[in-house]
Amino acid sequence: MQNRLPQLHQCVLLVMSVNPVLAAMVGWVVLGRHPGRLGWTAITTVVCTNALSIRTSRG
């Protein structure tokens, strides 16, 4: 039997993967703080990991 994430969990993962991007953008626009190379690398890693998790769970 293959493990699959329910549709609700996939939506939650998708929304959670966008949070770091939104936080970085708000910090940049409102506070004038640029995340830097390491920050963008970390954000990209989180987003890609969640996208890969959703993709592999669908089969």
C-alpha atoms as a PDB file:
ATOM      1  CA  MET A   1       0.000   0.000   0.000  1.00  0.00           C
ATOM      2  CA  GLN A   2       1.384   3.341  -1.036  1.00  0.00           C
ATOM      3  CA  ASN A   3       1.468   6.247   1.407  1.00  0.00           C
ATOM      4  CA  ARG A   4      -0.398   9.241   0.018  1.00  0.00           C
ATOM      5  CA  LEU A   5      -1.114  12.564   1.630  1.00  0.00           C
ATOM      6  CA  PRO A   6      -4.746  13.589   1.822  1.00  0.00           C
ATOM      7  CA  GLN A   7      -5.716  16.602  -0.285  1.00  0.00           C
ATOM      8  CA  LEU A   8      -5.995  18.824   2.797  1.00  0.00           C
ATOM      9  CA  HIS A   9      -2.432  18.027   3.869  1.00  0.00           C
ATOM     10  CA  GLN A  10      -1.161  18.844   0.381  1.00  0.00           C
ATOM     11  CA  CYS A  11      -2.837  22.256   0.546  1.00  0.00           C
ATOM     12  CA  VAL A  12      -1.351  22.904   3.979  1.00  0.00           C
ATOM     13  CA  LEU A  13       2.134  22.028   2.723  1.00  0.00           C
ATOM     14  CA  LEU A  14       1.696  24.317  -0.253  1.00  0.00           C
ATOM     15  CA  VAL A  15       0.607  27.239   1.922  1.00  0.00           C
ATOM     16  CA  MET A  16       3.399  26.563   4.426  1.00  0.00           C
ATOM     17  CA  SER A  17       5.994  26.631   1.651  1.00  0.00           C
ATOM     18  CA  VAL A  18       4.894  30.126   0.630  1.00  0.00           C
ATOM     19  CA  ASN A  19       5.200  31.556   4.167  1.00  0.00           C
ATOM     20  CA  PRO A  20       9.002  32.036   4.109  1.00  0.00           C
ATOM     21  CA  VAL A  21       8.747  33.872   0.796  1.00  0.00           C
ATOM     22  CA  LEU A  22       6.033  36.189   2.089  1.00  0.00           C
ATOM     23  CA  ALA A  23       7.940  36.828   5.308  1.00  0.00           C
ATOM     24  CA  ALA A  24      11.076  37.727   3.353  1.00  0.00           C
ATOM     25  CA  MET A  25       9.151  40.051   1.043  1.00  0.00           C
ATOM     26  CA  VAL A  26       7.384  41.812   3.927  1.00  0.00           C
ATOM     27  CA  GLY A  27      10.688  42.171   5.762  1.00  0.00           C
ATOM     28  CA  TRP A  28      12.255  43.616   2.639  1.00  0.00           C
ATOM     29  CA  VAL A  29       9.435  46.045   1.786  1.00  0.00           C
ATOM     30  CA  VAL A  30       8.325  47.085   5.280  1.00  0.00           C
ATOM     31  CA  LEU A  31      11.577  46.876   7.242  1.00  0.00           C
ATOM     32  CA  GLY A  32      14.073  47.413   4.456  1.00  0.00           C
ATOM     33  CA  ARG A  33      15.896  44.190   5.350  1.00  0.00           C
ATOM     34  CA  HIS A  34      17.240  42.194   2.404  1.00  0.00           C
ATOM     35  CA  PRO A  35      17.498  38.455   3.228  1.00  0.00           C
ATOM     36  CA  GLY A  36      20.869  38.008   1.532  1.00  0.00           C
ATOM     37  CA  ARG A  37      22.200  35.012  -0.355  1.00  0.00           C
ATOM     38  CA  LEU A  38      22.015  32.552   2.564  1.00  0.00           C
ATOM     39  CA  GLY A  39      18.468  33.630   3.392  1.00  0.00           C
ATOM     40  CA  TRP A  40      17.254  33.181  -0.184  1.00  0.00           C
ATOM     41  CA  THR A  41      19.016  29.809  -0.362  1.00  0.00           C
ATOM     42  CA  ALA A  42      17.219  28.670   2.790  1.00  0.00           C
ATOM     43  CA  ILE A  43      13.866  29.907   1.473  1.00  0.00           C
ATOM     44  CA  THR A  44      14.425  28.138  -1.855  1.00  0.00           C
ATOM     45  CA  THR A  45      15.318  24.927  -0.037  1.00  0.00           C
ATOM     46  CA  VAL A  46      12.090  25.016   2.003  1.00  0.00           C
ATOM     47  CA  VAL A  47       9.908  25.741  -1.036  1.00  0.00           C
ATOM     48  CA  CYS A  48      11.559  23.059  -3.189  1.00  0.00           C
ATOM     49  CA  THR A  49      11.399  20.461  -0.432  1.00  0.00           C
ATOM     50  CA  ASN A  50       7.683  21.056   0.088  1.00  0.00           C
ATOM     51  CA  ALA A  51       7.000  21.023  -3.658  1.00  0.00           C
ATOM     52  CA  LEU A  52       8.916  17.754  -4.023  1.00  0.00           C
ATOM     53  CA  SER A  53       7.011  16.275  -1.088  1.00  0.00           C
ATOM     54  CA  ILE A  54       3.680  17.178  -2.680  1.00  0.00           C
ATOM     55  CA  ARG A  55       4.747  15.908  -6.093  1.00  0.00           C
ATOM     56  CA  THR A  56       5.987  12.541  -4.835  1.00  0.00           C
ATOM     57  CA  SER A  57       2.922  12.033  -2.645  1.00  0.00           C
ATOM     58  CA  ARG A  58       0.622  12.244  -5.676  1.00  0.00           C
ATOM     59  CA  GLY A  59       2.351   9.349  -7.319  1.00  0.00           C
END
